[in-house]
Protein backbone atom coordinates (compact mmCIF):
# COMPACT_ATOMS: atom_id res chain seq x y z
CA MET A 1 -55.28 50.94 -2.96
CA ARG A 2 -56.28 48.92 0.64
CA SER A 3 -58.83 46.93 -1.28
CA PHE A 4 -56.23 45.98 -3.73
CA ALA A 5 -53.89 44.42 -1.08
CA ARG A 6 -56.92 42.61 0.49
CA ILE A 7 -57.82 41.02 -2.31
CA ALA A 8 -54.21 40.29 -3.68
CA ALA A 9 -53.34 38.66 -0.13
CA ALA A 10 -56.75 36.80 0.01
CA ALA A 11 -56.21 35.37 -3.45
CA ALA A 12 -52.63 34.45 -2.59
CA ILE A 13 -53.93 32.16 0.53
CA VAL A 14 -56.73 30.83 -1.64
CA MET A 15 -54.03 29.82 -4.11
CA ALA A 16 -51.33 28.55 -1.30
CA ALA A 17 -54.24 26.48 0.21
CA GLY A 18 -55.37 24.89 -2.74
CA THR A 19 -51.90 23.90 -3.97
CA ALA A 20 -50.62 22.19 -0.97
CA SER A 21 -53.86 19.79 -0.94
CA ALA A 22 -53.58 19.26 -4.62
CA TYR A 23 -52.83 15.30 -5.65
CA ALA A 24 -53.28 13.28 -8.39
CA ALA A 25 -56.05 10.87 -7.72
CA CYS A 26 -58.91 9.41 -9.77
CA ASN A 27 -61.86 10.24 -7.26
CA GLY A 28 -63.80 12.64 -8.98
CA ASP A 29 -63.16 15.18 -6.57
CA THR A 30 -62.82 19.06 -8.29
CA GLY A 31 -63.49 20.74 -4.90
CA THR A 32 -59.68 22.25 -4.90
CA GLU A 33 -59.63 23.37 -8.48
CA THR A 34 -63.37 25.08 -7.98
CA VAL A 35 -62.20 26.78 -5.03
CA LEU A 36 -59.06 27.79 -6.76
CA GLY A 37 -60.85 28.83 -9.69
CA ALA A 38 -63.64 30.84 -7.90
CA GLY A 39 -61.06 33.00 -5.75
CA ALA A 40 -59.15 33.82 -8.58
CA GLY A 41 -61.90 34.59 -10.93
CA ALA A 42 -63.49 36.91 -7.84
CA ALA A 43 -60.08 38.48 -7.56
CA ALA A 44 -59.85 39.72 -11.20
CA GLY A 45 -63.62 40.46 -11.48
CA GLY A 46 -63.12 42.58 -8.17
CA LEU A 47 -60.00 44.29 -9.39
CA ALA A 48 -61.01 44.68 -13.15
CA SER A 49 -64.54 46.22 -12.11
CA HIS A 50 -63.58 47.87 -8.71
CA SER A 51 -67.18 46.30 -7.56
CA ILE A 52 -69.08 43.80 -5.53
CA ALA A 53 -71.08 42.85 -8.62
CA GLY A 54 -67.89 42.34 -10.91
CA ALA A 55 -66.32 40.11 -7.91
CA ALA A 56 -69.24 37.85 -7.93
CA ILE A 57 -69.61 37.37 -11.54
CA GLY A 58 -65.87 36.52 -11.54
CA GLY A 59 -66.07 34.21 -8.78
CA VAL A 60 -69.03 32.41 -10.91
CA ALA A 61 -67.28 32.37 -13.80
CA GLY A 62 -63.92 30.96 -12.36
CA GLY A 63 -65.78 28.68 -10.24
CA LEU A 64 -67.02 27.15 -13.54
CA ILE A 65 -64.10 27.11 -15.23
CA GLY A 66 -61.80 25.73 -12.31
CA ASN A 67 -64.78 22.95 -12.38
CA ALA A 68 -63.87 22.15 -15.89
CA ILE A 69 -60.01 22.06 -15.34
CA GLY A 70 -60.72 19.70 -12.33
CA GLN A 71 -62.64 17.26 -14.47
CA SER A 72 -60.20 17.03 -17.25
CA ASN A 73 -57.37 16.15 -15.04
CA ASN A 74 -59.78 13.88 -13.22
CA ARG A 75 -60.04 12.14 -16.30
CA GLU A 76 -56.22 11.86 -17.09
CA ASP A 77 -55.72 10.70 -13.50
CA CYS A 78 -58.12 7.82 -14.27
CA ARG A 79 -56.53 7.27 -17.59
CA ARG A 80 -53.36 7.06 -16.03
CA ASP A 81 -54.25 4.49 -12.96
CA ALA A 82 -55.81 2.19 -15.70
CA TYR A 83 -52.68 2.51 -17.73
CA TYR A 84 -50.50 1.38 -14.67
CA TYR A 85 -52.93 -0.94 -13.15
CA ASP A 86 -53.26 -2.98 -16.30
CA ARG A 87 -49.05 -3.04 -17.07
CA ASP A 88 -48.84 -4.35 -13.57
CA ARG A 89 -51.04 -7.08 -14.03
CA GLN A 90 -49.79 -8.14 -17.32
CA MET A 91 -46.20 -8.04 -15.75
CA ALA A 92 -47.53 -10.20 -13.05
CA GLU A 93 -49.15 -12.70 -15.74
CA ASN A 94 -46.19 -12.76 -18.03
CA GLY A 95 -44.04 -13.45 -14.94
CA TYR A 96 -41.95 -10.50 -14.46
CA TYR A 97 -42.88 -10.17 -10.65
CA ARG A 98 -42.07 -14.05 -10.16
CA ASP A 99 -39.15 -14.87 -8.83
CA ARG A 100 -37.82 -11.64 -9.34
CA TYR A 101 -35.40 -12.13 -6.76
CA ALA A 102 -35.72 -15.96 -7.04
CA TYR A 103 -34.99 -17.31 -3.76
CA ASN A 104 -36.09 -20.84 -5.49
CA ARG A 105 -35.30 -20.37 -9.02
CA PRO A 106 -33.17 -23.10 -10.65
CA PRO A 107 -29.24 -22.54 -10.25
CA ASP A 108 -28.76 -22.21 -13.91
CA SER A 109 -30.85 -19.25 -14.36
CA TYR A 110 -30.39 -15.39 -13.51
CA VAL A 111 -32.54 -12.20 -13.33
CA GLY A 112 -31.22 -9.99 -16.02
CA GLY A 113 -30.92 -6.04 -16.26
CA ASP A 114 -34.47 -6.02 -17.54
CA GLY A 115 -35.81 -7.65 -14.31
CA TYR A 116 -36.80 -11.24 -16.15
CA VAL A 117 -35.34 -14.54 -15.18
CA HIS A 118 -33.52 -16.32 -17.76
CA ASP A 119 -31.77 -19.38 -18.41
CA TYR A 120 -28.04 -19.73 -19.14
CA PRO A 121 -27.12 -21.16 -22.10
CA ASP A 122 -26.75 -24.51 -22.52
CA ASP A 123 -22.99 -25.17 -23.84
């Protein structure tokens, strides 16, 4: 029972440290996910087999799975970054950011609820 408490405490520390430093970034870094996977796999393997060999095998398998999850997360983060970059570039080209608060816009125009500069209709 004493070893179970130690393994559970170690797994909790590893998971808490990993989630504290996890953030969405397109940087190719899979270290956090790999360490979390290895720690969780070692804990599960050690508890399931009651041996050091089981913990080692679980750690390696968990590390590989965690690395694969990290790579998948990075691909999604890169897609999201590319989408927002392209969207902002297109909005700038279409005049969305130009004169948004429009200190120098003509007096016969206004900024609508959609953020674009509109002209008042000619009556």
